């Protein structure tokens, strides 16, 4: 799966959850915590992505992002970073 396909799928998935889509329409460097999703929204978002891509994102990432901790190493994760993470997880899965 190409990066552009993963990116589009992530944006489509977030678009189903977000009310205001302007943040995701223009930039890959938007911080995930800027999307202003609540914990339930993030849980749904990650659940859909994991199911669709056949991967399991590390719990620490999901917890840190949904908790919106400014001190979290993942609190500054961008949309692009999430796409990179999905690609790494998919690659890792194919090599096991």
C-alpha atoms as a PDB file:
ATOM      1  CA  UNK A   1       0.000   0.000   0.000  1.00  0.00           C
ATOM      2  CA  UNK A   2       1.370   3.386  -0.989  1.00  0.00           C
ATOM      3  CA  UNK A   3       1.848   6.288   1.383  1.00  0.00           C
ATOM      4  CA  UNK A   4      -0.720   8.333  -0.546  1.00  0.00           C
ATOM      5  CA  UNK A   5      -3.313   5.561  -0.120  1.00  0.00           C
ATOM      6  CA  UNK A   6      -2.641   5.294   3.614  1.00  0.00           C
ATOM      7  CA  UNK A   7      -2.806   9.089   3.937  1.00  0.00           C
ATOM      8  CA  UNK A   8      -6.135   9.268   2.116  1.00  0.00           C
ATOM      9  CA  UNK A   9      -7.612   6.492   4.224  1.00  0.00           C
ATOM     10  CA  UNK A  10      -6.486   8.152   7.472  1.00  0.00           C
ATOM     11  CA  UNK A  11      -7.982  11.467   6.317  1.00  0.00           C
ATOM     12  CA  UNK A  12     -11.222   9.788   5.238  1.00  0.00           C
ATOM     13  CA  UNK A  13     -11.460   8.020   8.595  1.00  0.00           C
ATOM     14  CA  UNK A  14     -10.826  11.191  10.572  1.00  0.00           C
ATOM     15  CA  UNK A  15     -13.317  12.987   8.319  1.00  0.00           C
ATOM     16  CA  UNK A  16     -16.060  10.597   9.441  1.00  0.00           C
ATOM     17  CA  UNK A  17     -15.453  11.632  13.048  1.00  0.00           C
ATOM     18  CA  UNK A  18     -14.522  15.321  12.787  1.00  0.00           C
ATOM     19  CA  UNK A  19     -17.131  18.022  12.470  1.00  0.00           C
ATOM     20  CA  UNK A  20     -14.675  20.682  11.292  1.00  0.00           C
ATOM     21  CA  UNK A  21     -12.551  19.203   8.526  1.00  0.00           C
ATOM     22  CA  UNK A  22     -10.568  22.337   7.648  1.00  0.00           C
ATOM     23  CA  UNK A  23      -7.579  21.251   9.747  1.00  0.00           C
ATOM     24  CA  UNK A  24      -7.054  18.027   7.809  1.00  0.00           C
ATOM     25  CA  UNK A  25      -7.731  19.347   4.329  1.00  0.00           C
ATOM     26  CA  UNK A  26      -4.543  21.305   3.969  1.00  0.00           C
ATOM     27  CA  UNK A  27      -1.696  20.043   6.096  1.00  0.00           C
ATOM     28  CA  UNK A  28      -0.011  16.789   7.003  1.00  0.00           C
ATOM     29  CA  UNK A  29       1.804  18.526   9.828  1.00  0.00           C
ATOM     30  CA  UNK A  30      -1.366  19.174  11.833  1.00  0.00           C
ATOM     31  CA  UNK A  31      -0.924  17.844  15.362  1.00  0.00           C
ATOM     32  CA  UNK A  32      -3.352  15.099  16.262  1.00  0.00           C
ATOM     33  CA  UNK A  33      -4.176  16.846  19.522  1.00  0.00           C
ATOM     34  CA  UNK A  34      -5.198  19.918  17.486  1.00  0.00           C
ATOM     35  CA  UNK A  35      -8.059  17.900  16.025  1.00  0.00           C
ATOM     36  CA  UNK A  36      -9.886  18.277  19.330  1.00  0.00           C
ATOM     37  CA  UNK A  37     -11.231  14.764  19.378  1.00  0.00           C
ATOM     38  CA  UNK A  38     -12.362  13.449  22.715  1.00  0.00           C
ATOM     39  CA  UNK A  39     -11.189  10.134  24.123  1.00  0.00           C
ATOM     40  CA  UNK A  40     -14.142   8.214  22.649  1.00  0.00           C
ATOM     41  CA  UNK A  41     -13.479   9.733  19.215  1.00  0.00           C
ATOM     42  CA  UNK A  42      -9.817   8.737  19.356  1.00  0.00           C
ATOM     43  CA  UNK A  43     -10.766   5.246  20.472  1.00  0.00           C
ATOM     44  CA  UNK A  44     -13.108   4.929  17.489  1.00  0.00           C
ATOM     45  CA  UNK A  45     -10.506   6.431  15.139  1.00  0.00           C
ATOM     46  CA  UNK A  46      -7.751   4.022  16.212  1.00  0.00           C
ATOM     47  CA  UNK A  47     -10.132   1.080  16.210  1.00  0.00           C
ATOM     48  CA  UNK A  48     -11.160   1.775  12.605  1.00  0.00           C
ATOM     49  CA  UNK A  49      -7.553   2.259  11.468  1.00  0.00           C
ATOM     50  CA  UNK A  50      -6.356  -0.905  13.173  1.00  0.00           C
ATOM     51  CA  UNK A  51      -9.183  -2.919  11.674  1.00  0.00           C
ATOM     52  CA  UNK A  52      -8.840  -1.455   8.173  1.00  0.00           C
ATOM     53  CA  UNK A  53      -5.054  -1.785   8.033  1.00  0.00           C
ATOM     54  CA  UNK A  54      -4.848  -5.079   9.933  1.00  0.00           C
ATOM     55  CA  UNK A  55      -2.373  -3.659  12.440  1.00  0.00           C
ATOM     56  CA  UNK A  56      -2.220  -3.016  16.167  1.00  0.00           C
ATOM     57  CA  UNK A  57      -0.980   0.391  17.183  1.00  0.00           C
ATOM     58  CA  UNK A  58       0.996   0.406  20.441  1.00  0.00           C
ATOM     59  CA  UNK A  59      -1.262   1.075  23.432  1.00  0.00           C
ATOM     60  CA  UNK A  60       1.066   3.762  24.709  1.00  0.00           C
ATOM     61  CA  UNK A  61       0.534   5.800  21.555  1.00  0.00           C
ATOM     62  CA  UNK A  62      -3.238   5.449  21.695  1.00  0.00           C
ATOM     63  CA  UNK A  63      -3.357   6.274  25.405  1.00  0.00           C
ATOM     64  CA  UNK A  64      -0.986   9.229  25.210  1.00  0.00           C
ATOM     65  CA  UNK A  65      -2.773  10.824  22.278  1.00  0.00           C
ATOM     66  CA  UNK A  66      -6.267  10.327  23.621  1.00  0.00           C
ATOM     67  CA  UNK A  67      -5.207  11.671  27.033  1.00  0.00           C
ATOM     68  CA  UNK A  68      -3.933  14.792  25.240  1.00  0.00           C
ATOM     69  CA  UNK A  69      -0.988  15.107  27.547  1.00  0.00           C
ATOM     70  CA  UNK A  70       1.262  17.949  26.488  1.00  0.00           C
ATOM     71  CA  UNK A  71       4.107  16.087  28.181  1.00  0.00           C
ATOM     72  CA  UNK A  72       3.486  12.912  26.227  1.00  0.00           C
ATOM     73  CA  UNK A  73       6.092  12.045  23.609  1.00  0.00           C
ATOM     74  CA  UNK A  74       3.182  11.309  21.281  1.00  0.00           C
ATOM     75  CA  UNK A  75       1.225  14.447  22.154  1.00  0.00           C
ATOM     76  CA  UNK A  76       3.072  16.194  19.350  1.00  0.00           C
ATOM     77  CA  UNK A  77       2.385  13.461  16.788  1.00  0.00           C
ATOM     78  CA  UNK A  78       1.288  14.881  13.462  1.00  0.00           C
ATOM     79  CA  UNK A  79      -1.003  13.388  10.893  1.00  0.00           C
ATOM     80  CA  UNK A  80       2.114  12.648   8.829  1.00  0.00           C
ATOM     81  CA  UNK A  81       3.693  10.947  11.833  1.00  0.00           C
ATOM     82  CA  UNK A  82       0.635   8.746  12.257  1.00  0.00           C
ATOM     83  CA  UNK A  83       0.800   7.772   8.572  1.00  0.00           C
ATOM     84  CA  UNK A  84       4.490   6.892   9.023  1.00  0.00           C
ATOM     85  CA  UNK A  85       3.606   4.820  12.083  1.00  0.00           C
ATOM     86  CA  UNK A  86       0.913   2.909  10.196  1.00  0.00           C
ATOM     87  CA  UNK A  87       3.339   2.191   7.345  1.00  0.00           C
ATOM     88  CA  UNK A  88       5.987   0.949   9.800  1.00  0.00           C
ATOM     89  CA  UNK A  89       3.451  -1.284  11.566  1.00  0.00           C
ATOM     90  CA  UNK A  90       2.231  -2.691   8.236  1.00  0.00           C
ATOM     91  CA  UNK A  91       5.805  -3.354   7.109  1.00  0.00           C
ATOM     92  CA  UNK A  92       6.635  -5.000  10.418  1.00  0.00           C
ATOM     93  CA  UNK A  93       3.598  -7.228  10.125  1.00  0.00           C
ATOM     94  CA  UNK A  94       4.588  -8.481   6.679  1.00  0.00           C
ATOM     95  CA  UNK A  95       8.042  -9.469   7.946  1.00  0.00           C
ATOM     96  CA  UNK A  96       6.821 -11.643  10.813  1.00  0.00           C
END
